Amino acid sequence: MLMMKRILILTFSLAALLIVPVAVHAAPAYFSGVMELSDEQEVEVTYSDGTLTVIGAQGQVLQVVSVTGNVLLHKRIDSQEQKIELNIPKGCYIVKVGKVVRRVNVR
């Protein structure tokens, strides 16, 4: 009973975190009258038919985490656009790339 209560608390806590929209944008920085873009870039994460596609995250670390907190995948992104085959059971997962966090539903 106690374990079930902990799982429910964790699930609702994670769901509350996912309700808040997260967006990462490159902000212009001005230096001596010259406009420069910061190092941060927009990261796009999509999932379709067992394939996770990550765009704009080269050099960052990708994590796929279950709602119970188990890290299922920990991988460094090698290219500008990378496709990763996920062989995981149906359910809801959290994908984190750098500072970007997304929810993925595997059906």
PDB file of N, CA and C in Angstrom:
ATOM      1  N   MET A   1       0.823  -1.191   0.000  1.00  0.00           N
ATOM      2  CA  MET A   1       0.000   0.000   0.000  1.00  0.00           C
ATOM      3  C   MET A   1       0.867   1.255   0.000  1.00  0.00           C
ATOM      4  N   LEU A   2       1.929   1.220   0.824  1.00  0.00           N
ATOM      5  CA  LEU A   2       2.836   2.362   0.904  1.00  0.00           C
ATOM      6  C   LEU A   2       3.562   2.570  -0.426  1.00  0.00           C
ATOM      7  N   MET A   3       3.954   1.464  -1.073  1.00  0.00           N
ATOM      8  CA  MET A   3       4.643   1.558  -2.359  1.00  0.00           C
ATOM      9  C   MET A   3       3.719   2.163  -3.414  1.00  0.00           C
ATOM     10  N   MET A   4       2.451   1.754  -3.407  1.00  0.00           N
ATOM     11  CA  MET A   4       1.479   2.280  -4.366  1.00  0.00           C
ATOM     12  C   MET A   4       1.283   3.775  -4.144  1.00  0.00           C
ATOM     13  N   LYS A   5       1.234   4.200  -2.872  1.00  0.00           N
ATOM     14  CA  LYS A   5       1.079   5.611  -2.558  1.00  0.00           C
ATOM     15  C   LYS A   5       2.272   6.413  -3.073  1.00  0.00           C
ATOM     16  N   ARG A   6       3.477   5.869  -2.906  1.00  0.00           N
ATOM     17  CA  ARG A   6       4.686   6.550  -3.399  1.00  0.00           C
ATOM     18  C   ARG A   6       4.689   6.665  -4.917  1.00  0.00           C
ATOM     19  N   ILE A   7       4.259   5.606  -5.586  1.00  0.00           N
ATOM     20  CA  ILE A   7       4.214   5.632  -7.053  1.00  0.00           C
ATOM     21  C   ILE A   7       3.206   6.677  -7.523  1.00  0.00           C
ATOM     22  N   LEU A   8       2.044   6.742  -6.876  1.00  0.00           N
ATOM     23  CA  LEU A   8       1.035   7.733  -7.256  1.00  0.00           C
ATOM     24  C   LEU A   8       1.541   9.158  -7.020  1.00  0.00           C
ATOM     25  N   ILE A   9       2.210   9.385  -5.896  1.00  0.00           N
ATOM     26  CA  ILE A   9       2.765  10.719  -5.616  1.00  0.00           C
ATOM     27  C   ILE A   9       3.804  11.089  -6.663  1.00  0.00           C
ATOM     28  N   LEU A  10       4.692  10.150  -7.004  1.00  0.00           N
ATOM     29  CA  LEU A  10       5.714  10.402  -8.023  1.00  0.00           C
ATOM     30  C   LEU A  10       5.078  10.676  -9.380  1.00  0.00           C
ATOM     31  N   THR A  11       4.068   9.892  -9.733  1.00  0.00           N
ATOM     32  CA  THR A  11       3.404  10.072 -11.027  1.00  0.00           C
ATOM     33  C   THR A  11       2.740  11.446 -11.120  1.00  0.00           C
ATOM     34  N   PHE A  12       2.014  11.828 -10.077  1.00  0.00           N
ATOM     35  CA  PHE A  12       1.352  13.129 -10.104  1.00  0.00           C
ATOM     36  C   PHE A  12       2.358  14.269 -10.068  1.00  0.00           C
ATOM     37  N   SER A  13       3.465  14.083  -9.355  1.00  0.00           N
ATOM     38  CA  SER A  13       4.510  15.120  -9.324  1.00  0.00           C
ATOM     39  C   SER A  13       5.118  15.314 -10.702  1.00  0.00           C
ATOM     40  N   LEU A  14       5.427  14.208 -11.379  1.00  0.00           N
ATOM     41  CA  LEU A  14       5.989  14.304 -12.724  1.00  0.00           C
ATOM     42  C   LEU A  14       4.981  14.893 -13.703  1.00  0.00           C
ATOM     43  N   ALA A  15       3.707  14.528 -13.567  1.00  0.00           N
ATOM     44  CA  ALA A  15       2.676  15.080 -14.446  1.00  0.00           C
ATOM     45  C   ALA A  15       2.553  16.582 -14.241  1.00  0.00           C
ATOM     46  N   ALA A  16       2.654  17.041 -12.993  1.00  0.00           N
ATOM     47  CA  ALA A  16       2.571  18.479 -12.722  1.00  0.00           C
ATOM     48  C   ALA A  16       3.737  19.219 -13.362  1.00  0.00           C
ATOM     49  N   LEU A  17       4.923  18.606 -13.369  1.00  0.00           N
ATOM     50  CA  LEU A  17       6.081  19.236 -14.009  1.00  0.00           C
ATOM     51  C   LEU A  17       5.906  19.328 -15.517  1.00  0.00           C
ATOM     52  N   LEU A  18       5.216  18.353 -16.103  1.00  0.00           N
ATOM     53  CA  LEU A  18       5.052  18.332 -17.551  1.00  0.00           C
ATOM     54  C   LEU A  18       3.967  19.278 -18.032  1.00  0.00           C
ATOM     55  N   ILE A  19       3.123  19.754 -17.134  1.00  0.00           N
ATOM     56  CA  ILE A  19       2.067  20.690 -17.515  1.00  0.00           C
ATOM     57  C   ILE A  19       2.662  22.042 -17.885  1.00  0.00           C
ATOM     58  N   VAL A  20       3.750  22.416 -17.231  1.00  0.00           N
ATOM     59  CA  VAL A  20       4.380  23.707 -17.487  1.00  0.00           C
ATOM     60  C   VAL A  20       5.094  23.629 -18.835  1.00  0.00           C
ATOM     61  N   PRO A  21       4.757  24.492 -19.790  1.00  0.00           N
ATOM     62  CA  PRO A  21       5.407  24.432 -21.098  1.00  0.00           C
ATOM     63  C   PRO A  21       6.882  24.810 -20.995  1.00  0.00           C
ATOM     64  N   VAL A  22       7.705  24.091 -21.751  1.00  0.00           N
ATOM     65  CA  VAL A  22       9.141  24.343 -21.753  1.00  0.00           C
ATOM     66  C   VAL A  22       9.549  24.709 -23.175  1.00  0.00           C
ATOM     67  N   ALA A  23      10.197  25.816 -23.341  1.00  0.00           N
ATOM     68  CA  ALA A  23      10.694  26.222 -24.653  1.00  0.00           C
ATOM     69  C   ALA A  23      12.101  26.765 -24.495  1.00  0.00           C
ATOM     70  N   VAL A  24      12.955  26.370 -25.405  1.00  0.00           N
ATOM     71  CA  VAL A  24      14.327  26.864 -25.395  1.00  0.00           C
ATOM     72  C   VAL A  24      14.537  27.630 -26.690  1.00  0.00           C
ATOM     73  N   HIS A  25      14.935  28.871 -26.595  1.00  0.00           N
ATOM     74  CA  HIS A  25      15.142  29.696 -27.769  1.00  0.00           C
ATOM     75  C   HIS A  25      16.519  30.349 -27.684  1.00  0.00           C
ATOM     76  N   ALA A  26      17.129  30.556 -28.828  1.00  0.00           N
ATOM     77  CA  ALA A  26      18.386  31.282 -28.871  1.00  0.00           C
ATOM     78  C   ALA A  26      18.072  32.762 -28.702  1.00  0.00           C
ATOM     79  N   ALA A  27      18.639  33.372 -27.690  1.00  0.00           N
ATOM     80  CA  ALA A  27      18.386  34.783 -27.419  1.00  0.00           C
ATOM     81  C   ALA A  27      19.516  35.623 -28.008  1.00  0.00           C
ATOM     82  N   PRO A  28      19.183  36.718 -28.700  1.00  0.00           N
ATOM     83  CA  PRO A  28      20.243  37.549 -29.248  1.00  0.00           C
ATOM     84  C   PRO A  28      21.000  38.262 -28.129  1.00  0.00           C
ATOM     85  N   ALA A  29      22.315  38.319 -28.285  1.00  0.00           N
ATOM     86  CA  ALA A  29      23.149  39.042 -27.316  1.00  0.00           C
ATOM     87  C   ALA A  29      23.900  40.124 -28.093  1.00  0.00           C
ATOM     88  N   TYR A  30      23.904  41.330 -27.573  1.00  0.00           N
ATOM     89  CA  TYR A  30      24.547  42.441 -28.257  1.00  0.00           C
ATOM     90  C   TYR A  30      25.874  42.761 -27.581  1.00  0.00           C
ATOM     91  N   PHE A  31      26.906  42.906 -28.398  1.00  0.00           N
ATOM     92  CA  PHE A  31      28.232  43.225 -27.890  1.00  0.00           C
ATOM     93  C   PHE A  31      28.896  44.172 -28.880  1.00  0.00           C
ATOM     94  N   SER A  32      29.192  45.359 -28.444  1.00  0.00           N
ATOM     95  CA  SER A  32      29.839  46.371 -29.288  1.00  0.00           C
ATOM     96  C   SER A  32      29.073  46.626 -30.582  1.00  0.00           C
ATOM     97  N   GLY A  33      27.752  46.629 -30.519  1.00  0.00           N
ATOM     98  CA  GLY A  33      26.948  46.927 -31.695  1.00  0.00           C
ATOM     99  C   GLY A  33      26.820  45.773 -32.662  1.00  0.00           C
ATOM    100  N   VAL A  34      27.387  44.603 -32.343  1.00  0.00           N
ATOM    101  CA  VAL A  34      27.300  43.438 -33.219  1.00  0.00           C
ATOM    102  C   VAL A  34      26.363  42.437 -32.563  1.00  0.00           C
ATOM    103  N   MET A  35      25.368  41.956 -33.324  1.00  0.00           N
ATOM    104  CA  MET A  35      24.439  40.992 -32.766  1.00  0.00           C
ATOM    105  C   MET A  35      25.033  39.597 -32.871  1.00  0.00           C
ATOM    106  N   GLU A  36      25.025  38.870 -31.738  1.00  0.00           N
ATOM    107  CA  GLU A  36      25.508  37.494 -31.715  1.00  0.00           C
ATOM    108  C   GLU A  36      24.409  36.623 -31.126  1.00  0.00           C
ATOM    109  N   LEU A  37      24.348  35.372 -31.567  1.00  0.00           N
ATOM    110  CA  LEU A  37      23.403  34.433 -30.992  1.00  0.00           C
ATOM    111  C   LEU A  37      24.101  33.665 -29.886  1.00  0.00           C
ATOM    112  N   SER A  38      23.350  33.375 -28.817  1.00  0.00           N
ATOM    113  CA  SER A  38      23.934  32.605 -27.729  1.00  0.00           C
ATOM    114  C   SER A  38      24.139  31.163 -28.188  1.00  0.00           C
ATOM    115  N   ASP A  39      24.849  30.375 -27.370  1.00  0.00           N
ATOM    116  CA  ASP A  39      25.148  28.989 -27.715  1.00  0.00           C
ATOM    117  C   ASP A  39      23.913  28.086 -27.666  1.00  0.00           C
ATOM    118  N   GLU A  40      22.882  28.508 -26.921  1.00  0.00           N
ATOM    119  CA  GLU A  40      21.690  27.686 -26.815  1.00  0.00           C
ATOM    120  C   GLU A  40      20.921  27.717 -28.129  1.00  0.00           C
ATOM    121  N   GLN A  41      20.392  26.565 -28.514  1.00  0.00           N
ATOM    122  CA  GLN A  41      19.604  26.478 -29.729  1.00  0.00           C
ATOM    123  C   GLN A  41      18.326  25.709 -29.426  1.00  0.00           C
ATOM    124  N   GLU A  42      17.348  25.845 -30.277  1.00  0.00           N
ATOM    125  CA  GLU A  42      16.080  25.167 -30.048  1.00  0.00           C
ATOM    126  C   GLU A  42      16.229  23.680 -30.355  1.00  0.00           C
ATOM    127  N   VAL A  43      15.775  22.856 -29.430  1.00  0.00           N
ATOM    128  CA  VAL A  43      15.851  21.406 -29.571  1.00  0.00           C
ATOM    129  C   VAL A  43      14.452  20.886 -29.843  1.00  0.00           C
ATOM    130  N   GLU A  44      14.328  20.017 -30.840  1.00  0.00           N
ATOM    131  CA  GLU A  44      13.042  19.431 -31.194  1.00  0.00           C
ATOM    132  C   GLU A  44      13.102  17.931 -30.952  1.00  0.00           C
ATOM    133  N   VAL A  45      12.120  17.412 -30.203  1.00  0.00           N
ATOM    134  CA  VAL A  45      12.039  15.984 -29.896  1.00  0.00           C
ATOM    135  C   VAL A  45      10.681  15.480 -30.349  1.00  0.00           C
ATOM    136  N   THR A  46      10.673  14.460 -31.232  1.00  0.00           N
ATOM    137  CA  THR A  46       9.423  13.874 -31.690  1.00  0.00           C
ATOM    138  C   THR A  46       9.516  12.354 -31.603  1.00  0.00           C
ATOM    139  N   TYR A  47       8.364  11.709 -31.487  1.00  0.00           N
ATOM    140  CA  TYR A  47       8.306  10.242 -31.429  1.00  0.00           C
ATOM    141  C   TYR A  47       7.221   9.747 -32.372  1.00  0.00           C
ATOM    142  N   SER A  48       7.558   8.727 -33.162  1.00  0.00           N
ATOM    143  CA  SER A  48       6.584   8.138 -34.066  1.00  0.00           C
ATOM    144  C   SER A  48       7.007   6.718 -34.416  1.00  0.00           C
ATOM    145  N   ASP A  49       6.085   5.780 -34.297  1.00  0.00           N
ATOM    146  CA  ASP A  49       6.291   4.384 -34.712  1.00  0.00           C
ATOM    147  C   ASP A  49       7.587   3.776 -34.186  1.00  0.00           C
ATOM    148  N   GLY A  50       7.884   3.958 -32.912  1.00  0.00           N
ATOM    149  CA  GLY A  50       9.055   3.332 -32.309  1.00  0.00           C
ATOM    150  C   GLY A  50      10.359   4.075 -32.519  1.00  0.00           C
ATOM    151  N   THR A  51      10.310   5.236 -33.188  1.00  0.00           N
ATOM    152  CA  THR A  51      11.529   6.005 -33.464  1.00  0.00           C
ATOM    153  C   THR A  51      11.447   7.375 -32.808  1.00  0.00           C
ATOM    154  N   LEU A  52      12.461   7.691 -32.029  1.00  0.00           N
ATOM    155  CA  LEU A  52      12.591   8.997 -31.393  1.00  0.00           C
ATOM    156  C   LEU A  52      13.527   9.825 -32.263  1.00  0.00           C
ATOM    157  N   THR A  53      13.082  11.011 -32.687  1.00  0.00           N
ATOM    158  CA  THR A  53      13.891  11.888 -33.522  1.00  0.00           C
ATOM    159  C   THR A  53      14.263  13.121 -32.712  1.00  0.00           C
ATOM    160  N   VAL A  54      15.557  13.418 -32.666  1.00  0.00           N
ATOM    161  CA  VAL A  54      16.058  14.572 -31.920  1.00  0.00           C
ATOM    162  C   VAL A  54      16.779  15.479 -32.910  1.00  0.00           C
ATOM    163  N   ILE A  55      16.356  16.753 -32.978  1.00  0.00           N
ATOM    164  CA  ILE A  55      16.943  17.723 -33.903  1.00  0.00           C
ATOM    165  C   ILE A  55      17.491  18.901 -33.104  1.00  0.00           C
ATOM    166  N   GLY A  56      18.710  19.306 -33.413  1.00  0.00           N
ATOM    167  CA  GLY A  56      19.298  20.493 -32.802  1.00  0.00           C
ATOM    168  C   GLY A  56      19.913  20.264 -31.438  1.00  0.00           C
ATOM    169  N   ALA A  57      20.353  19.050 -31.152  1.00  0.00           N
ATOM    170  CA  ALA A  57      20.903  18.756 -29.824  1.00  0.00           C
ATOM    171  C   ALA A  57      22.284  18.113 -29.906  1.00  0.00           C
ATOM    172  N   GLN A  58      23.024  18.386 -30.959  1.00  0.00           N
ATOM    173  CA  GLN A  58      24.329  17.767 -31.145  1.00  0.00           C
ATOM    174  C   GLN A  58      25.239  18.056 -29.951  1.00  0.00           C
ATOM    175  N   GLY A  59      25.856  16.989 -29.411  1.00  0.00           N
ATOM    176  CA  GLY A  59      26.772  17.121 -28.282  1.00  0.00           C
ATOM    177  C   GLY A  59      26.098  17.057 -26.922  1.00  0.00           C
ATOM    178  N   GLN A  60      24.756  17.039 -26.885  1.00  0.00           N
ATOM    179  CA  GLN A  60      24.036  16.968 -25.612  1.00  0.00           C
ATOM    180  C   GLN A  60      23.703  15.517 -25.276  1.00  0.00           C
ATOM    181  N   VAL A  61      23.300  15.293 -24.044  1.00  0.00           N
ATOM    182  CA  VAL A  61      22.971  13.951 -23.576  1.00  0.00           C
ATOM    183  C   VAL A  61      21.457  13.767 -23.552  1.00  0.00           C
ATOM    184  N   LEU A  62      20.998  12.636 -24.077  1.00  0.00           N
ATOM    185  CA  LEU A  62      19.590  12.271 -24.099  1.00  0.00           C
ATOM    186  C   LEU A  62      19.340  11.234 -23.012  1.00  0.00           C
ATOM    187  N   GLN A  63      18.248  11.408 -22.267  1.00  0.00           N
ATOM    188  CA  GLN A  63      17.821  10.410 -21.290  1.00  0.00           C
ATOM    189  C   GLN A  63      16.360  10.091 -21.521  1.00  0.00           C
ATOM    190  N   VAL A  64      16.032   8.799 -21.459  1.00  0.00           N
ATOM    191  CA  VAL A  64      14.645   8.353 -21.482  1.00  0.00           C
ATOM    192  C   VAL A  64      14.395   7.730 -20.115  1.00  0.00           C
ATOM    193  N   VAL A  65      13.385   8.278 -19.401  1.00  0.00           N
ATOM    194  CA  VAL A  65      13.118   7.868 -18.028  1.00  0.00           C
ATOM    195  C   VAL A  65      11.666   7.415 -17.916  1.00  0.00           C
ATOM    196  N   SER A  66      11.445   6.308 -17.198  1.00  0.00           N
ATOM    197  CA  SER A  66      10.078   5.850 -16.957  1.00  0.00           C
ATOM    198  C   SER A  66       9.447   6.713 -15.878  1.00  0.00           C
ATOM    199  N   VAL A  67       8.125   6.628 -15.719  1.00  0.00           N
ATOM    200  CA  VAL A  67       7.447   7.430 -14.711  1.00  0.00           C
ATOM    201  C   VAL A  67       7.809   6.982 -13.295  1.00  0.00           C
ATOM    202  N   THR A  68       8.391   5.803 -13.158  1.00  0.00           N
ATOM    203  CA  THR A  68       8.847   5.341 -11.842  1.00  0.00           C
ATOM    204  C   THR A  68      10.261   5.814 -11.537  1.00  0.00           C
ATOM    205  N   GLY A  69      10.892   6.507 -12.495  1.00  0.00           N
ATOM    206  CA  GLY A  69      12.214   7.072 -12.260  1.00  0.00           C
ATOM    207  C   GLY A  69      13.372   6.246 -12.781  1.00  0.00           C
ATOM    208  N   ASN A  70      13.104   5.123 -13.420  1.00  0.00           N
ATOM    209  CA  ASN A  70      14.179   4.294 -13.970  1.00  0.00           C
ATOM    210  C   ASN A  70      14.698   4.885 -15.274  1.00  0.00           C
ATOM    211  N   VAL A  71      16.017   5.074 -15.365  1.00  0.00           N
ATOM    212  CA  VAL A  71      16.624   5.572 -16.597  1.00  0.00           C
ATOM    213  C   VAL A  71      16.750   4.396 -17.555  1.00  0.00           C
ATOM    214  N   LEU A  72      16.030   4.467 -18.687  1.00  0.00           N
ATOM    215  CA  LEU A  72      16.021   3.382 -19.663  1.00  0.00           C
ATOM    216  C   LEU A  72      17.070   3.565 -20.746  1.00  0.00           C
ATOM    217  N   LEU A  73      17.423   4.810 -21.023  1.00  0.00           N
ATOM    218  CA  LEU A  73      18.401   5.096 -22.073  1.00  0.00           C
ATOM    219  C   LEU A  73      19.167   6.356 -21.703  1.00  0.00           C
ATOM    220  N   HIS A  74      20.465   6.298 -21.864  1.00  0.00           N
ATOM    221  CA  HIS A  74      21.352   7.440 -21.613  1.00  0.00           C
ATOM    222  C   HIS A  74      22.319   7.460 -22.792  1.00  0.00           C
ATOM    223  N   LYS A  75      22.207   8.472 -23.657  1.00  0.00           N
ATOM    224  CA  LYS A  75      22.977   8.465 -24.910  1.00  0.00           C
ATOM    225  C   LYS A  75      23.368   9.878 -25.303  1.00  0.00           C
ATOM    226  N   ARG A  76      24.580  10.046 -25.802  1.00  0.00           N
ATOM    227  CA  ARG A  76      25.048  11.332 -26.317  1.00  0.00           C
ATOM    228  C   ARG A  76      24.596  11.460 -27.770  1.00  0.00           C
ATOM    229  N   ILE A  77      24.053  12.630 -28.110  1.00  0.00           N
ATOM    230  CA  ILE A  77      23.583  12.896 -29.468  1.00  0.00           C
ATOM    231  C   ILE A  77      24.787  13.278 -30.328  1.00  0.00           C
ATOM    232  N   ASP A  78      24.988  12.535 -31.439  1.00  0.00           N
ATOM    233  CA  ASP A  78      26.179  12.706 -32.279  1.00  0.00           C
ATOM    234  C   ASP A  78      26.004  13.721 -33.402  1.00  0.00           C
ATOM    235  N   SER A  79      24.774  13.868 -33.901  1.00  0.00           N
ATOM    236  CA  SER A  79      24.586  14.688 -35.098  1.00  0.00           C
ATOM    237  C   SER A  79      23.462  15.704 -34.892  1.00  0.00           C
ATOM    238  N   GLN A  80      23.311  16.586 -35.857  1.00  0.00           N
ATOM    239  CA  GLN A  80      22.282  17.632 -35.799  1.00  0.00           C
ATOM    240  C   GLN A  80      20.880  17.025 -35.762  1.00  0.00           C
ATOM    241  N   GLU A  81      20.667  15.964 -36.528  1.00  0.00           N
ATOM    242  CA  GLU A  81      19.397  15.240 -36.522  1.00  0.00           C
ATOM    243  C   GLU A  81      19.699  13.768 -36.316  1.00  0.00           C
ATOM    244  N   GLN A  82      19.204  13.212 -35.216  1.00  0.00           N
ATOM    245  CA  GLN A  82      19.501  11.820 -34.907  1.00  0.00           C
ATOM    246  C   GLN A  82      18.214  11.054 -34.634  1.00  0.00           C
ATOM    247  N   LYS A  83      18.120   9.852 -35.229  1.00  0.00           N
ATOM    248  CA  LYS A  83      16.971   8.979 -35.017  1.00  0.00           C
ATOM    249  C   LYS A  83      17.419   7.815 -34.136  1.00  0.00           C
ATOM    250  N   ILE A  84      16.599   7.519 -33.116  1.00  0.00           N
ATOM    251  CA  ILE A  84      16.936   6.468 -32.164  1.00  0.00           C
ATOM    252  C   ILE A  84      15.752   5.512 -32.083  1.00  0.00           C
ATOM    253  N   GLU A  85      16.013   4.237 -32.346  1.00  0.00           N
ATOM    254  CA  GLU A  85      14.969   3.219 -32.237  1.00  0.00           C
ATOM    255  C   GLU A  85      14.779   2.883 -30.762  1.00  0.00           C
ATOM    256  N   LEU A  86      13.534   3.015 -30.282  1.00  0.00           N
ATOM    257  CA  LEU A  86      13.218   2.685 -28.895  1.00  0.00           C
ATOM    258  C   LEU A  86      12.473   1.364 -28.852  1.00  0.00           C
ATOM    259  N   ASN A  87      13.027   0.414 -28.143  1.00  0.00           N
ATOM    260  CA  ASN A  87      12.390  -0.884 -27.976  1.00  0.00           C
ATOM    261  C   ASN A  87      11.942  -0.969 -26.522  1.00  0.00           C
ATOM    262  N   ILE A  88      10.867  -0.239 -26.197  1.00  0.00           N
ATOM    263  CA  ILE A  88      10.377  -0.176 -24.825  1.00  0.00           C
ATOM    264  C   ILE A  88       8.886  -0.491 -24.810  1.00  0.00           C
ATOM    265  N   PRO A  89       8.385  -0.986 -23.680  1.00  0.00           N
ATOM    266  CA  PRO A  89       6.963  -1.334 -23.598  1.00  0.00           C
ATOM    267  C   PRO A  89       6.056  -0.105 -23.716  1.00  0.00           C
ATOM    268  N   LYS A  90       4.780  -0.365 -23.991  1.00  0.00           N
ATOM    269  CA  LYS A  90       3.796   0.711 -24.062  1.00  0.00           C
ATOM    270  C   LYS A  90       3.755   1.444 -22.732  1.00  0.00           C
ATOM    271  N   GLY A  91       3.531   2.756 -22.804  1.00  0.00           N
ATOM    272  CA  GLY A  91       3.429   3.546 -21.580  1.00  0.00           C
ATOM    273  C   GLY A  91       3.846   4.977 -21.805  1.00  0.00           C
ATOM    274  N   CYS A  92       3.950   5.725 -20.716  1.00  0.00           N
ATOM    275  CA  CYS A  92       4.335   7.130 -20.746  1.00  0.00           C
ATOM    276  C   CYS A  92       5.772   7.256 -20.248  1.00  0.00           C
ATOM    277  N   TYR A  93       6.601   8.000 -20.974  1.00  0.00           N
ATOM    278  CA  TYR A  93       8.005   8.168 -20.636  1.00  0.00           C
ATOM    279  C   TYR A  93       8.379   9.642 -20.680  1.00  0.00           C
ATOM    280  N   ILE A  94       9.452   9.973 -20.011  1.00  0.00           N
ATOM    281  CA  ILE A  94       9.967  11.335 -20.005  1.00  0.00           C
ATOM    282  C   ILE A  94      11.283  11.334 -20.760  1.00  0.00           C
ATOM    283  N   VAL A  95      11.406  12.241 -21.736  1.00  0.00           N
ATOM    284  CA  VAL A  95      12.627  12.365 -22.531  1.00  0.00           C
ATOM    285  C   VAL A  95      13.266  13.698 -22.187  1.00  0.00           C
ATOM    286  N   LYS A  96      14.530  13.656 -21.807  1.00  0.00           N
ATOM    287  CA  LYS A  96      15.251  14.872 -21.455  1.00  0.00           C
ATOM    288  C   LYS A  96      16.484  14.979 -22.343  1.00  0.00           C
ATOM    289  N   VAL A  97      16.616  16.135 -23.006  1.00  0.00           N
ATOM    290  CA  VAL A  97      17.786  16.426 -23.827  1.00  0.00           C
ATOM    291  C   VAL A  97      18.288  17.793 -23.396  1.00  0.00           C
ATOM    292  N   GLY A  98      19.458  17.832 -22.739  1.00  0.00           N
ATOM    293  CA  GLY A  98      19.947  19.096 -22.200  1.00  0.00           C
ATOM    294  C   GLY A  98      18.940  19.633 -21.203  1.00  0.00           C
ATOM    295  N   LYS A  99      18.397  20.834 -21.461  1.00  0.00           N
ATOM    296  CA  LYS A  99      17.403  21.450 -20.579  1.00  0.00           C
ATOM    297  C   LYS A  99      15.972  21.227 -21.064  1.00  0.00           C
ATOM    298  N   VAL A 100      15.805  20.555 -22.182  1.00  0.00           N
ATOM    299  CA  VAL A 100      14.480  20.326 -22.762  1.00  0.00           C
ATOM    300  C   VAL A 100      13.919  19.006 -22.237  1.00  0.00           C
ATOM    301  N   VAL A 101      12.684  19.045 -21.732  1.00  0.00           N
ATOM    302  CA  VAL A 101      12.014  17.855 -21.203  1.00  0.00           C
ATOM    303  C   VAL A 101      10.691  17.681 -21.952  1.00  0.00           C
ATOM    304  N   ARG A 102      10.451  16.473 -22.439  1.00  0.00           N
ATOM    305  CA  ARG A 102       9.215  16.180 -23.171  1.00  0.00           C
ATOM    306  C   ARG A 102       8.623  14.875 -22.646  1.00  0.00           C
ATOM    307  N   ARG A 103       7.303  14.749 -22.764  1.00  0.00           N
ATOM    308  CA  ARG A 103       6.605  13.510 -22.436  1.00  0.00           C
ATOM    309  C   ARG A 103       6.365  12.751 -23.736  1.00  0.00           C
ATOM    310  N   VAL A 104       6.599  11.446 -23.716  1.00  0.00           N
ATOM    311  CA  VAL A 104       6.411  10.603 -24.886  1.00  0.00           C
ATOM    312  C   VAL A 104       5.469   9.478 -24.505  1.00  0.00           C
ATOM    313  N   ASN A 105       4.424   9.278 -25.295  1.00  0.00           N
ATOM    314  CA  ASN A 105       3.500   8.166 -25.096  1.00  0.00           C
ATOM    315  C   ASN A 105       3.799   7.093 -26.118  1.00  0.00           C
ATOM    316  N   VAL A 106       4.181   5.916 -25.647  1.00  0.00           N
ATOM    317  CA  VAL A 106       4.452   4.775 -26.535  1.00  0.00           C
ATOM    318  C   VAL A 106       3.192   3.925 -26.577  1.00  0.00           C
ATOM    319  N   ARG A 107       2.662   3.733 -27.787  1.00  0.00           N
ATOM    320  CA  ARG A 107       1.415   2.969 -27.951  1.00  0.00           C
ATOM    321  C   ARG A 107       1.642   1.741 -28.771  1.00  0.00           C
TER     322      ARG A 107
END
